[in-house]
C-alpha atoms as a PDB file:
ATOM      1  CA  LYS A   1      -0.034  -0.001  -0.037  1.00  0.00           C
ATOM      2  CA  LYS A   2       1.264   3.454  -0.825  1.00  0.00           C
ATOM      3  CA  THR A   3       0.366   6.882   0.609  1.00  0.00           C
ATOM      4  CA  LYS A   4       1.604  10.437   0.564  1.00  0.00           C
ATOM      5  CA  GLU A   5       0.034  11.286   3.946  1.00  0.00           C
ATOM      6  CA  VAL A   6       1.877  11.027   7.255  1.00  0.00           C
ATOM      7  CA  ALA A   7      -1.492  10.598   9.031  1.00  0.00           C
ATOM      8  CA  GLU A   8      -2.165   7.406   7.126  1.00  0.00           C
ATOM      9  CA  VAL A   9       1.298   6.047   8.090  1.00  0.00           C
ATOM     10  CA  TYR A  10       0.474   6.840  11.719  1.00  0.00           C
ATOM     11  CA  SER A  11      -2.905   5.070  11.552  1.00  0.00           C
ATOM     12  CA  PHE A  12      -1.167   1.953  10.204  1.00  0.00           C
ATOM     13  CA  ALA A  13       1.673   2.094  12.837  1.00  0.00           C
ATOM     14  CA  LYS A  14      -0.420   2.935  15.942  1.00  0.00           C
ATOM     15  CA  GLY A  15      -0.115   0.333  18.631  1.00  0.00           C
ATOM     16  CA  HIS A  16       2.479  -1.650  16.773  1.00  0.00           C
ATOM     17  CA  SER A  17       6.313  -1.958  16.791  1.00  0.00           C
ATOM     18  CA  VAL A  18       7.338  -0.960  13.279  1.00  0.00           C
ATOM     19  CA  ILE A  19      10.556  -0.774  11.344  1.00  0.00           C
ATOM     20  CA  ALA A  20      11.095   2.213   8.999  1.00  0.00           C
ATOM     21  CA  MET A  21      13.569   1.975   6.037  1.00  0.00           C
ATOM     22  CA  PRO A  22      14.064   3.734   2.694  1.00  0.00           C
ATOM     23  CA  LYS A  23      12.246   2.551  -0.342  1.00  0.00           C
ATOM     24  CA  MET A  24      15.302   2.078  -2.567  1.00  0.00           C
ATOM     25  CA  ASP A  25      15.058   3.346  -6.127  1.00  0.00           C
ATOM     26  CA  GLY A  26      16.723   0.570  -8.165  1.00  0.00           C
ATOM     27  CA  LEU A  27      16.002  -3.008  -9.216  1.00  0.00           C
ATOM     28  CA  THR A  28      14.812  -5.621  -6.657  1.00  0.00           C
ATOM     29  CA  CYS A  29      17.081  -8.609  -6.519  1.00  0.00           C
ATOM     30  CA  SER A  30      16.998 -11.867  -4.445  1.00  0.00           C
ATOM     31  CA  LEU A  31      20.228 -13.572  -3.461  1.00  0.00           C
ATOM     32  CA  THR A  32      20.325 -17.314  -2.347  1.00  0.00           C
ATOM     33  CA  TYR A  33      23.187 -18.785  -0.343  1.00  0.00           C
ATOM     34  CA  ARG A  34      23.711 -22.470   0.518  1.00  0.00           C
ATOM     35  CA  GLY A  35      26.724 -23.814   2.465  1.00  0.00           C
ATOM     36  CA  GLY A  36      28.050 -20.240   2.724  1.00  0.00           C
ATOM     37  CA  SER A  37      28.215 -19.735  -1.000  1.00  0.00           C
ATOM     38  CA  LEU A  38      26.176 -17.501  -3.303  1.00  0.00           C
ATOM     39  CA  ILE A  39      24.404 -19.863  -5.699  1.00  0.00           C
ATOM     40  CA  ALA A  40      21.575 -17.815  -7.213  1.00  0.00           C
ATOM     41  CA  ALA A  41      20.691 -14.166  -7.868  1.00  0.00           C
ATOM     42  CA  GLU A  42      17.348 -13.217  -9.554  1.00  0.00           C
ATOM     43  CA  THR A  43      15.521 -10.011 -10.319  1.00  0.00           C
ATOM     44  CA  ARG A  44      11.851  -9.787  -9.396  1.00  0.00           C
ATOM     45  CA  GLY A  45      10.799 -10.293 -13.037  1.00  0.00           C
ATOM     46  CA  ASN A  46       7.115 -10.555 -13.336  1.00  0.00           C
ATOM     47  CA  GLY A  47       6.662 -11.264  -9.592  1.00  0.00           C
ATOM     48  CA  ILE A  48       6.696 -15.070 -10.154  1.00  0.00           C
ATOM     49  CA  ILE A  49       9.546 -15.719 -12.495  1.00  0.00           C
ATOM     50  CA  GLY A  50      12.651 -13.554 -12.229  1.00  0.00           C
ATOM     51  CA  GLU A  51      15.694 -13.101 -14.478  1.00  0.00           C
ATOM     52  CA  ASP A  52      18.921 -14.937 -13.635  1.00  0.00           C
ATOM     53  CA  VAL A  53      21.710 -12.415 -12.996  1.00  0.00           C
ATOM     54  CA  LEU A  54      24.089 -14.499 -10.998  1.00  0.00           C
ATOM     55  CA  HIS A  55      27.023 -13.890 -13.424  1.00  0.00           C
ATOM     56  CA  ASN A  56      26.766 -10.126 -12.675  1.00  0.00           C
ATOM     57  CA  ALA A  57      25.956 -10.477  -8.928  1.00  0.00           C
ATOM     58  CA  LEU A  58      29.220 -12.197  -8.532  1.00  0.00           C
ATOM     59  CA  VAL A  59      31.101  -9.025  -9.589  1.00  0.00           C
ATOM     60  CA  VAL A  60      29.058  -6.436  -7.718  1.00  0.00           C
ATOM     61  CA  HIS A  61      31.638  -5.082  -5.250  1.00  0.00           C
ATOM     62  CA  ASN A  62      29.633  -5.417  -2.000  1.00  0.00           C
ATOM     63  CA  ILE A  63      27.796  -8.646  -2.613  1.00  0.00           C
ATOM     64  CA  PRO A  64      29.527 -11.338  -0.611  1.00  0.00           C
ATOM     65  CA  ASN A  65      30.329 -14.435  -2.602  1.00  0.00           C
ATOM     66  CA  LYS A  66      31.074 -16.314   0.605  1.00  0.00           C
ATOM     67  CA  ILE A  67      29.399 -15.818   3.999  1.00  0.00           C
ATOM     68  CA  ASP A  68      29.833 -17.345   7.520  1.00  0.00           C
ATOM     69  CA  TYR A  69      26.425 -18.972   7.558  1.00  0.00           C
ATOM     70  CA  GLN A  70      25.917 -22.542   6.442  1.00  0.00           C
ATOM     71  CA  ASP A  71      22.070 -22.841   6.315  1.00  0.00           C
ATOM     72  CA  GLU A  72      20.127 -21.638   3.345  1.00  0.00           C
ATOM     73  CA  LEU A  73      19.854 -17.848   3.336  1.00  0.00           C
ATOM     74  CA  VAL A  74      17.641 -15.852   0.984  1.00  0.00           C
ATOM     75  CA  VAL A  75      18.152 -12.066   1.048  1.00  0.00           C
ATOM     76  CA  ASP A  76      16.105  -9.532  -0.749  1.00  0.00           C
ATOM     77  CA  GLY A  77      17.515  -6.132  -1.566  1.00  0.00           C
ATOM     78  CA  GLU A  78      18.028  -3.485  -4.318  1.00  0.00           C
ATOM     79  CA  ILE A  79      20.628  -3.272  -7.001  1.00  0.00           C
ATOM     80  CA  ILE A  80      21.399   0.412  -7.236  1.00  0.00           C
ATOM     81  CA  CYS A  81      23.895   2.943  -8.555  1.00  0.00           C
ATOM     82  CA  ASP A  82      24.527   5.588  -5.953  1.00  0.00           C
ATOM     83  CA  TYR A  83      24.457   9.156  -7.137  1.00  0.00           C
ATOM     84  CA  HIS A  84      28.244   9.582  -6.640  1.00  0.00           C
ATOM     85  CA  SER A  85      28.942   6.657  -8.925  1.00  0.00           C
ATOM     86  CA  PHE A  86      26.350   7.709 -11.399  1.00  0.00           C
ATOM     87  CA  GLU A  87      27.919  11.094 -12.067  1.00  0.00           C
ATOM     88  CA  LYS A  88      30.227   9.688 -14.809  1.00  0.00           C
ATOM     89  CA  PHE A  89      27.291   8.051 -16.621  1.00  0.00           C
ATOM     90  CA  GLU A  90      24.576  10.710 -16.252  1.00  0.00           C
ATOM     91  CA  SER A  91      25.148  12.311 -19.662  1.00  0.00           C
ATOM     92  CA  GLU A  92      24.181   8.986 -21.285  1.00  0.00           C
ATOM     93  CA  TYR A  93      21.523   7.705 -18.982  1.00  0.00           C
ATOM     94  CA  LYS A  94      18.261   9.167 -17.653  1.00  0.00           C
ATOM     95  CA  ASN A  95      18.542   8.212 -13.991  1.00  0.00           C
ATOM     96  CA  PRO A  96      20.344   5.832 -11.584  1.00  0.00           C
ATOM     97  CA  ARG A  97      17.368   3.432 -11.394  1.00  0.00           C
ATOM     98  CA  ASN A  98      17.259   2.755 -15.234  1.00  0.00           C
ATOM     99  CA  PHE A  99      21.105   2.617 -15.278  1.00  0.00           C
ATOM    100  CA  ALA A 100      21.215   0.000 -12.537  1.00  0.00           C
ATOM    101  CA  SER A 101      18.328  -2.048 -14.021  1.00  0.00           C
ATOM    102  CA  GLY A 102      20.003  -2.221 -17.387  1.00  0.00           C
ATOM    103  CA  SER A 103      23.556  -2.853 -16.102  1.00  0.00           C
ATOM    104  CA  ILE A 104      22.714  -5.793 -13.893  1.00  0.00           C
ATOM    105  CA  ARG A 105      21.125  -7.429 -16.985  1.00  0.00           C
ATOM    106  CA  LEU A 106      24.263  -7.071 -19.132  1.00  0.00           C
ATOM    107  CA  LEU A 107      25.637 -10.259 -20.692  1.00  0.00           C
ATOM    108  CA  ASP A 108      29.242  -9.008 -20.100  1.00  0.00           C
ATOM    109  CA  SER A 109      30.063  -9.213 -16.443  1.00  0.00           C
ATOM    110  CA  ASN A 110      33.269  -7.203 -16.977  1.00  0.00           C
ATOM    111  CA  GLU A 111      31.265  -4.307 -18.226  1.00  0.00           C
ATOM    112  CA  CYS A 112      28.769  -4.662 -15.331  1.00  0.00           C
ATOM    113  CA  GLU A 113      31.652  -4.591 -12.907  1.00  0.00           C
ATOM    114  CA  ASN A 114      32.974  -1.333 -14.384  1.00  0.00           C
ATOM    115  CA  ARG A 115      29.600   0.290 -13.738  1.00  0.00           C
ATOM    116  CA  LYS A 116      30.140   0.349  -9.935  1.00  0.00           C
ATOM    117  CA  LEU A 117      26.689  -1.031  -8.931  1.00  0.00           C
ATOM    118  CA  SER A 118      25.919  -1.831  -5.281  1.00  0.00           C
ATOM    119  CA  PHE A 119      23.516  -4.164  -3.463  1.00  0.00           C
ATOM    120  CA  VAL A 120      21.596  -2.879  -0.406  1.00  0.00           C
ATOM    121  CA  ALA A 121      19.737  -5.501   1.595  1.00  0.00           C
ATOM    122  CA  TRP A 122      16.348  -4.761   3.113  1.00  0.00           C
ATOM    123  CA  ASP A 123      14.771  -8.153   3.997  1.00  0.00           C
ATOM    124  CA  VAL A 124      15.579 -11.765   4.933  1.00  0.00           C
ATOM    125  CA  ILE A 125      13.160 -14.236   3.229  1.00  0.00           C
ATOM    126  CA  LYS A 126      14.714 -17.438   4.618  1.00  0.00           C
ATOM    127  CA  GLY A 127      17.323 -17.815   7.212  1.00  0.00           C
ATOM    128  CA  PHE A 128      18.173 -16.511  10.792  1.00  0.00           C
ATOM    129  CA  GLU A 129      15.031 -18.402  11.965  1.00  0.00           C
ATOM    130  CA  LYS A 130      15.692 -17.713  15.683  1.00  0.00           C
ATOM    131  CA  ASN A 131      15.308 -13.967  15.200  1.00  0.00           C
ATOM    132  CA  GLU A 132      11.704 -12.838  15.702  1.00  0.00           C
ATOM    133  CA  PHE A 133      12.213  -9.293  14.459  1.00  0.00           C
ATOM    134  CA  LEU A 134      13.202  -8.024  11.019  1.00  0.00           C
ATOM    135  CA  SER A 135      15.490  -5.402  12.719  1.00  0.00           C
ATOM    136  CA  ASN A 136      17.507  -8.160  14.347  1.00  0.00           C
ATOM    137  CA  LYS A 137      17.810 -10.051  11.073  1.00  0.00           C
ATOM    138  CA  LEU A 138      19.080  -6.921   9.319  1.00  0.00           C
ATOM    139  CA  VAL A 139      21.696  -6.541  12.104  1.00  0.00           C
ATOM    140  CA  GLN A 140      22.734 -10.108  11.526  1.00  0.00           C
ATOM    141  CA  LEU A 141      23.061  -9.551   7.834  1.00  0.00           C
ATOM    142  CA  HIS A 142      25.300  -6.564   8.576  1.00  0.00           C
ATOM    143  CA  ASN A 143      27.440  -8.695  10.866  1.00  0.00           C
ATOM    144  CA  ILE A 144      28.212 -11.244   8.126  1.00  0.00           C
ATOM    145  CA  GLY A 145      29.162  -8.677   5.528  1.00  0.00           C
ATOM    146  CA  PHE A 146      26.148  -7.206   3.761  1.00  0.00           C
ATOM    147  CA  SER A 147      25.401  -3.571   3.156  1.00  0.00           C
ATOM    148  CA  VAL A 148      21.929  -2.972   4.789  1.00  0.00           C
ATOM    149  CA  VAL A 149      19.463  -0.070   4.432  1.00  0.00           C
ATOM    150  CA  PRO A 150      19.499   2.512   7.165  1.00  0.00           C
ATOM    151  CA  PHE A 151      16.540   1.715   9.425  1.00  0.00           C
ATOM    152  CA  GLN A 152      14.781   2.717  12.681  1.00  0.00           C
ATOM    153  CA  TRP A 153      12.311   0.714  14.807  1.00  0.00           C
ATOM    154  CA  GLY A 154      10.178   1.264  17.804  1.00  0.00           C
ATOM    155  CA  ASN A 155       6.574   2.000  18.741  1.00  0.00           C
ATOM    156  CA  GLU A 156       5.403   4.968  16.782  1.00  0.00           C
ATOM    157  CA  THR A 157       2.878   6.841  18.966  1.00  0.00           C
ATOM    158  CA  GLU A 158       2.766  10.338  17.413  1.00  0.00           C
ATOM    159  CA  ASN A 159       2.693  11.814  13.903  1.00  0.00           C
ATOM    160  CA  GLU A 160       5.908  13.722  14.965  1.00  0.00           C
ATOM    161  CA  GLU A 161       7.721  10.489  15.510  1.00  0.00           C
ATOM    162  CA  ILE A 162       6.813   9.280  12.082  1.00  0.00           C
ATOM    163  CA  GLU A 163       7.999  12.536  10.561  1.00  0.00           C
ATOM    164  CA  HIS A 164      11.185  12.344  12.600  1.00  0.00           C
ATOM    165  CA  SER A 165      11.848   8.836  11.241  1.00  0.00           C
ATOM    166  CA  ILE A 166      11.266   9.925   7.732  1.00  0.00           C
ATOM    167  CA  GLU A 167      13.642  12.880   8.010  1.00  0.00           C
ATOM    168  CA  GLU A 168      16.427  10.930   9.755  1.00  0.00           C
ATOM    169  CA  ILE A 169      16.322   8.204   7.079  1.00  0.00           C
ATOM    170  CA  LYS A 170      16.219  10.723   4.229  1.00  0.00           C
ATOM    171  CA  ASN A 171      19.259  12.486   5.697  1.00  0.00           C
ATOM    172  CA  ARG A 172      21.194   9.390   6.149  1.00  0.00           C
ATOM    173  CA  CYS A 173      20.471   8.269   2.554  1.00  0.00           C
ATOM    174  CA  GLU A 174      21.634  11.717   1.330  1.00  0.00           C
ATOM    175  CA  GLU A 175      24.925  11.138   3.135  1.00  0.00           C
ATOM    176  CA  LEU A 176      25.317   7.766   1.497  1.00  0.00           C
ATOM    177  CA  TYR A 177      24.242   9.108  -2.009  1.00  0.00           C
ATOM    178  CA  TYR A 178      21.467   6.398  -2.105  1.00  0.00           C
ATOM    179  CA  PRO A 179      18.583   7.000  -4.569  1.00  0.00           C
ATOM    180  CA  ILE A 180      15.288   6.560  -2.789  1.00  0.00           C
ATOM    181  CA  ASP A 181      11.728   7.490  -3.564  1.00  0.00           C
ATOM    182  CA  GLY A 182       9.997   7.038  -0.272  1.00  0.00           C
ATOM    183  CA  ILE A 183      10.077   5.362   3.217  1.00  0.00           C
ATOM    184  CA  VAL A 184       8.622   1.834   3.995  1.00  0.00           C
ATOM    185  CA  PHE A 185       7.080   1.137   7.286  1.00  0.00           C
ATOM    186  CA  LYS A 186       6.634  -2.582   8.259  1.00  0.00           C
ATOM    187  CA  TYR A 187       5.514  -4.518  11.337  1.00  0.00           C
ATOM    188  CA  ASN A 188       8.890  -5.398  12.845  1.00  0.00           C
ATOM    189  CA  ALA A 189       7.708  -8.722  14.346  1.00  0.00           C
ATOM    190  CA  ILE A 190       7.906 -11.397  11.710  1.00  0.00           C
ATOM    191  CA  LYS A 191       4.896 -13.217  12.879  1.00  0.00           C
ATOM    192  CA  GLU A 192       2.733 -10.103  13.051  1.00  0.00           C
ATOM    193  CA  TYR A 193       3.863  -9.129   9.529  1.00  0.00           C
ATOM    194  CA  ASN A 194       3.074 -12.572   8.097  1.00  0.00           C
ATOM    195  CA  ALA A 195      -0.266 -12.802   9.966  1.00  0.00           C
ATOM    196  CA  ALA A 196      -1.381  -9.547   8.400  1.00  0.00           C
ATOM    197  CA  GLY A 197      -1.660 -11.368   5.045  1.00  0.00           C
ATOM    198  CA  ARG A 198      -1.882  -9.666   1.711  1.00  0.00           C
ATOM    199  CA  THR A 199      -4.167  -8.574  -1.075  1.00  0.00           C
ATOM    200  CA  ASP A 200      -3.578  -9.235  -4.769  1.00  0.00           C
ATOM    201  CA  HIS A 201      -1.489  -6.060  -4.866  1.00  0.00           C
ATOM    202  CA  HIS A 202       0.453  -5.725  -1.547  1.00  0.00           C
ATOM    203  CA  PHE A 203       1.278  -7.083   1.849  1.00  0.00           C
ATOM    204  CA  LYS A 204      -0.954  -5.741   4.582  1.00  0.00           C
ATOM    205  CA  GLY A 205       1.886  -5.629   7.023  1.00  0.00           C
ATOM    206  CA  GLY A 206       3.637  -2.677   5.422  1.00  0.00           C
ATOM    207  CA  ILE A 207       2.890   0.721   3.961  1.00  0.00           C
ATOM    208  CA  ALA A 208       5.100   2.930   1.691  1.00  0.00           C
ATOM    209  CA  TYR A 209       5.222   6.654   2.307  1.00  0.00           C
ATOM    210  CA  LYS A 210       5.991   8.164  -1.057  1.00  0.00           C
ATOM    211  CA  PHE A 211       7.530  11.546  -1.349  1.00  0.00           C
ATOM    212  CA  TYR A 212       5.615  14.267  -3.169  1.00  0.00           C
ATOM    213  CA  ASP A 213       6.937  14.537  -6.705  1.00  0.00           C
ATOM    214  CA  GLU A 214       9.879  16.834  -6.907  1.00  0.00           C
ATOM    215  CA  GLU A 215       9.624  19.596  -9.542  1.00  0.00           C
ATOM    216  CA  TYR A 216      12.524  20.880 -11.573  1.00  0.00           C
ATOM    217  CA  GLU A 217      12.722  23.811 -13.932  1.00  0.00           C
ATOM    218  CA  THR A 218      13.096  22.722 -17.587  1.00  0.00           C
END
């Protein structure tokens, strides 16, 4: 679900422990590890069948090829090109999102490596089963070598706290040169998030606060 109203985010979060994180503006990618090795990397594709981009994931500089975790681990995140890295390409490409999306699909992994893409993790689909909260799973991801989205968690009880989380995360992403287009709020407890279910279009355990469209002079 998407909204541009802080009040609607507050209504969703009231009475719950929520985690807030940036809505990264790139290409969603899922990484699978078994026995500590990266064995699969797929884009979201049509939502059911994704595109195999393992040959390029292996050369993205901050995707670990080996991790200190032997069970199966499936990590969702975003392939991005940060604004700093995009500067040398911006005369040829419209924006970092399209650039990242096209680059991770290149057949030539050497060319992909030269484009300085990054992977930023924002969810654990399988693994770390003892952790009951998404925030703890993200910390564990960080501890074994992943770049993880900036995030905050807690019980949001006032509109001002929602606004504070939005501004804090926006500021942190500006410092990191991350392209983002909103802030996602989710129930932090995994069981509560899953119990909320989903519609045909979205999971009910999360809401995306979309920034108002920025206007530029032409």
